[in-house]
């Protein structure tokens, strides 16, 4: 799934997030194409 914006193309990435209950859940994040690898975990 992709969407275009002023800053470039966004791509939806499903990432695993560890919840407070110790279970893993999936969360969707929109990331600019090509920048996903450059993002630090805390910058999302």
N, C-alpha and C. Protein backbone atom coordinates (compact mmCIF):
# COMPACT_ATOMS: atom_id res chain seq x y z
N UNK A 1 0.85 -1.19 0.00
CA UNK A 1 0.00 0.00 0.00
C UNK A 1 0.89 1.24 0.00
N UNK A 2 0.62 2.12 -0.95
CA UNK A 2 1.44 3.32 -1.05
C UNK A 2 0.57 4.55 -1.17
N UNK A 3 1.10 5.67 -0.77
CA UNK A 3 0.38 6.93 -0.83
C UNK A 3 1.40 8.03 -1.10
N UNK A 4 1.05 8.95 -1.98
CA UNK A 4 1.99 10.03 -2.30
C UNK A 4 1.70 11.27 -1.46
N UNK A 5 2.75 11.94 -1.03
CA UNK A 5 2.61 13.17 -0.27
C UNK A 5 3.58 14.20 -0.82
N UNK A 6 3.58 15.37 -0.23
CA UNK A 6 4.48 16.43 -0.64
C UNK A 6 5.94 16.03 -0.40
N UNK A 7 6.17 15.23 0.62
CA UNK A 7 7.54 14.87 0.99
C UNK A 7 8.04 13.65 0.24
N UNK A 8 7.17 13.00 -0.52
CA UNK A 8 7.57 11.80 -1.24
C UNK A 8 6.53 10.72 -1.08
N UNK A 9 6.88 9.52 -1.47
CA UNK A 9 5.94 8.41 -1.36
C UNK A 9 6.01 7.79 0.02
N UNK A 10 4.83 7.50 0.56
CA UNK A 10 4.77 6.83 1.85
C UNK A 10 4.44 5.36 1.63
N UNK A 11 5.02 4.53 2.44
CA UNK A 11 4.78 3.10 2.37
C UNK A 11 4.32 2.64 3.75
N UNK A 12 3.28 1.80 3.78
CA UNK A 12 2.82 1.29 5.06
C UNK A 12 3.66 0.08 5.45
N UNK A 13 4.24 0.15 6.63
CA UNK A 13 5.04 -0.95 7.15
C UNK A 13 4.37 -1.51 8.39
N UNK A 14 4.25 -2.83 8.46
CA UNK A 14 3.74 -3.47 9.66
C UNK A 14 4.92 -3.89 10.52
N UNK A 15 4.98 -3.36 11.72
CA UNK A 15 6.09 -3.68 12.61
C UNK A 15 5.56 -4.36 13.87
N UNK A 16 6.39 -5.20 14.46
CA UNK A 16 6.03 -5.89 15.69
C UNK A 16 6.36 -5.00 16.88
N UNK A 17 5.37 -4.81 17.75
CA UNK A 17 5.58 -3.99 18.93
C UNK A 17 5.28 -4.83 20.16
N UNK A 18 6.20 -4.82 21.10
CA UNK A 18 6.01 -5.58 22.33
C UNK A 18 5.19 -4.73 23.31
N UNK A 19 4.03 -5.23 23.68
CA UNK A 19 3.16 -4.49 24.57
C UNK A 19 3.55 -4.67 26.02
N UNK A 20 2.94 -3.88 26.91
CA UNK A 20 3.22 -3.94 28.35
C UNK A 20 2.85 -5.29 28.97
N UNK A 21 1.95 -6.02 28.30
CA UNK A 21 1.55 -7.32 28.83
C UNK A 21 2.48 -8.44 28.38
N UNK A 22 3.54 -8.07 27.64
CA UNK A 22 4.50 -9.06 27.20
C UNK A 22 4.11 -9.73 25.89
N UNK A 23 2.99 -9.31 25.32
CA UNK A 23 2.56 -9.89 24.05
C UNK A 23 2.98 -9.00 22.90
N UNK A 24 3.22 -9.63 21.77
CA UNK A 24 3.60 -8.88 20.57
C UNK A 24 2.36 -8.57 19.76
N UNK A 25 2.25 -7.33 19.31
CA UNK A 25 1.14 -6.97 18.44
C UNK A 25 1.70 -6.26 17.21
N UNK A 26 0.90 -6.23 16.16
CA UNK A 26 1.35 -5.58 14.93
C UNK A 26 0.80 -4.16 14.88
N UNK A 27 1.66 -3.24 14.50
CA UNK A 27 1.23 -1.85 14.34
C UNK A 27 1.62 -1.36 12.96
N UNK A 28 0.73 -0.58 12.35
CA UNK A 28 1.02 -0.02 11.04
C UNK A 28 1.67 1.34 11.20
N UNK A 29 2.71 1.56 10.43
CA UNK A 29 3.40 2.85 10.44
C UNK A 29 3.58 3.31 9.00
N UNK A 30 3.29 4.58 8.75
CA UNK A 30 3.55 5.14 7.43
C UNK A 30 4.96 5.70 7.43
N UNK A 31 5.80 5.19 6.54
CA UNK A 31 7.18 5.64 6.47
C UNK A 31 7.49 6.08 5.05
N UNK A 32 8.29 7.14 4.93
CA UNK A 32 8.69 7.61 3.61
C UNK A 32 9.58 6.56 2.96
N UNK A 33 9.29 6.24 1.71
CA UNK A 33 10.05 5.23 0.98
C UNK A 33 11.53 5.61 0.97
N UNK A 34 12.39 4.66 1.34
CA UNK A 34 13.82 4.90 1.34
C UNK A 34 14.34 5.41 2.67
N UNK A 35 13.44 5.89 3.52
CA UNK A 35 13.87 6.41 4.81
C UNK A 35 13.60 5.43 5.95
N UNK A 36 12.88 4.38 5.65
CA UNK A 36 12.50 3.42 6.69
C UNK A 36 13.73 2.84 7.39
N UNK A 37 14.76 2.55 6.61
CA UNK A 37 15.96 1.95 7.19
C UNK A 37 16.77 2.96 8.00
N UNK A 38 16.59 4.24 7.70
CA UNK A 38 17.37 5.28 8.37
C UNK A 38 16.76 5.70 9.70
N UNK A 39 15.49 5.34 9.91
CA UNK A 39 14.81 5.77 11.13
C UNK A 39 15.26 4.96 12.34
N UNK A 40 15.53 5.65 13.40
CA UNK A 40 15.80 4.98 14.67
C UNK A 40 14.46 4.58 15.28
N UNK A 41 14.43 3.53 16.10
CA UNK A 41 13.17 3.07 16.70
C UNK A 41 12.41 4.16 17.45
N UNK A 42 13.13 5.05 18.11
CA UNK A 42 12.45 6.07 18.90
C UNK A 42 11.96 7.24 18.05
N UNK A 43 12.32 7.25 16.78
CA UNK A 43 11.93 8.36 15.92
C UNK A 43 10.61 8.08 15.20
N UNK A 44 10.11 6.86 15.33
CA UNK A 44 8.90 6.49 14.61
C UNK A 44 7.67 7.16 15.21
